[in-house]
C-alpha atoms as a PDB file:
ATOM      1  CA  UNK A   1     -49.922 -15.377  16.499  1.00  0.00           C
ATOM      2  CA  UNK A   2     -48.384 -12.007  15.704  1.00  0.00           C
ATOM      3  CA  UNK A   3     -46.077 -11.831  12.769  1.00  0.00           C
ATOM      4  CA  UNK A   4     -42.504 -10.731  13.080  1.00  0.00           C
ATOM      5  CA  UNK A   5     -41.936  -7.273  11.682  1.00  0.00           C
ATOM      6  CA  UNK A   6     -38.913  -7.514   9.374  1.00  0.00           C
ATOM      7  CA  UNK A   7     -39.222  -4.100   7.767  1.00  0.00           C
ATOM      8  CA  UNK A   8     -36.312  -2.625   9.730  1.00  0.00           C
ATOM      9  CA  UNK A   9     -33.905  -5.535   9.269  1.00  0.00           C
ATOM     10  CA  UNK A  10     -32.458  -4.252   6.012  1.00  0.00           C
ATOM     11  CA  UNK A  11     -31.543  -0.824   7.312  1.00  0.00           C
ATOM     12  CA  UNK A  12     -30.172  -2.338  10.533  1.00  0.00           C
ATOM     13  CA  UNK A  13     -27.932  -4.804   8.704  1.00  0.00           C
ATOM     14  CA  UNK A  14     -26.718  -2.249   6.168  1.00  0.00           C
ATOM     15  CA  UNK A  15     -25.967   0.386   8.772  1.00  0.00           C
ATOM     16  CA  UNK A  16     -24.080  -2.099  10.958  1.00  0.00           C
ATOM     17  CA  UNK A  17     -22.018  -3.248   7.963  1.00  0.00           C
ATOM     18  CA  UNK A  18     -21.166   0.346   7.078  1.00  0.00           C
ATOM     19  CA  UNK A  19     -20.217   1.049  10.690  1.00  0.00           C
ATOM     20  CA  UNK A  20     -17.978  -2.023  10.834  1.00  0.00           C
ATOM     21  CA  UNK A  21     -16.357  -1.069   7.544  1.00  0.00           C
ATOM     22  CA  UNK A  22     -15.607   2.453   8.799  1.00  0.00           C
ATOM     23  CA  UNK A  23     -14.246   1.140  12.093  1.00  0.00           C
ATOM     24  CA  UNK A  24     -11.933  -1.317  10.350  1.00  0.00           C
ATOM     25  CA  UNK A  25     -10.738   1.359   7.944  1.00  0.00           C
ATOM     26  CA  UNK A  26      -9.916   3.665  10.838  1.00  0.00           C
ATOM     27  CA  UNK A  27      -8.138   0.873  12.692  1.00  0.00           C
ATOM     28  CA  UNK A  28      -6.061  -0.096   9.666  1.00  0.00           C
ATOM     29  CA  UNK A  29      -5.222   3.485   8.704  1.00  0.00           C
ATOM     30  CA  UNK A  30      -3.921   4.247  12.187  1.00  0.00           C
ATOM     31  CA  UNK A  31      -1.262   1.536  11.939  1.00  0.00           C
ATOM     32  CA  UNK A  32       2.171   2.366  10.644  1.00  0.00           C
ATOM     33  CA  UNK A  33       3.767  -0.047   8.222  1.00  0.00           C
ATOM     34  CA  UNK A  34       7.504  -0.221   7.572  1.00  0.00           C
ATOM     35  CA  UNK A  35       8.804   1.236   4.347  1.00  0.00           C
ATOM     36  CA  UNK A  36       9.628  -1.059   1.490  1.00  0.00           C
ATOM     37  CA  UNK A  37      13.065  -2.594   1.960  1.00  0.00           C
ATOM     38  CA  UNK A  38      15.832  -1.224  -0.181  1.00  0.00           C
ATOM     39  CA  UNK A  39      18.284  -3.659  -1.751  1.00  0.00           C
ATOM     40  CA  UNK A  40      21.622  -3.832   0.013  1.00  0.00           C
ATOM     41  CA  UNK A  41      24.883  -4.622  -1.663  1.00  0.00           C
ATOM     42  CA  UNK A  42      26.593  -7.443   0.141  1.00  0.00           C
ATOM     43  CA  UNK A  43      30.362  -7.587   0.003  1.00  0.00           C
ATOM     44  CA  UNK A  44      31.709 -11.092   0.256  1.00  0.00           C
ATOM     45  CA  UNK A  45      34.955 -11.264   2.137  1.00  0.00           C
ATOM     46  CA  UNK A  46      37.408 -13.767   0.737  1.00  0.00           C
ATOM     47  CA  UNK A  47      38.805 -15.969   3.476  1.00  0.00           C
ATOM     48  CA  UNK A  48      42.106 -17.692   3.050  1.00  0.00           C
ATOM     49  CA  UNK A  49      41.544 -21.364   3.744  1.00  0.00           C
ATOM     50  CA  UNK A  50      44.506 -23.740   3.645  1.00  0.00           C
ATOM     51  CA  UNK A  51      42.562 -26.336   1.662  1.00  0.00           C
ATOM     52  CA  UNK A  52      41.890 -23.870  -1.136  1.00  0.00           C
ATOM     53  CA  UNK A  53      45.568 -23.151  -1.834  1.00  0.00           C
ATOM     54  CA  UNK A  54      46.552 -26.740  -2.604  1.00  0.00           C
ATOM     55  CA  UNK A  55      44.910 -29.769  -4.097  1.00  0.00           C
ATOM     56  CA  UNK A  56      44.248 -32.397  -1.501  1.00  0.00           C
ATOM     57  CA  UNK A  57      44.423 -36.054  -2.453  1.00  0.00           C
ATOM     58  CA  UNK A  58      41.729 -37.306  -0.115  1.00  0.00           C
ATOM     59  CA  UNK A  59      39.923 -39.394  -2.689  1.00  0.00           C
ATOM     60  CA  UNK A  60      43.021 -40.820  -4.411  1.00  0.00           C
ATOM     61  CA  UNK A  61      43.472 -43.910  -2.166  1.00  0.00           C
ATOM     62  CA  UNK A  62      39.959 -44.974  -3.034  1.00  0.00           C
ATOM     63  CA  UNK A  63      40.844 -44.989  -6.724  1.00  0.00           C
ATOM     64  CA  UNK A  64      44.177 -46.773  -6.423  1.00  0.00           C
ATOM     65  CA  UNK A  65      44.216 -50.524  -7.225  1.00  0.00           C
ATOM     66  CA  UNK A  66      44.007 -52.884  -4.300  1.00  0.00           C
ATOM     67  CA  UNK A  67      47.219 -54.749  -3.479  1.00  0.00           C
END
């Protein structure tokens, strides 16, 4: 039985890994990524709600003694 010649396996594997690495680097470098987001100042608008101008007594009947 002839033996399998494995003398070229190392150079084949190394060269294919280098080729894949170069291809992935070229693919990644060709993509454009968005710039880092800058912080925005948010202005909160104050809305005039009718329940904020007066104190509502919603919970008071629950605290009053039962008759």
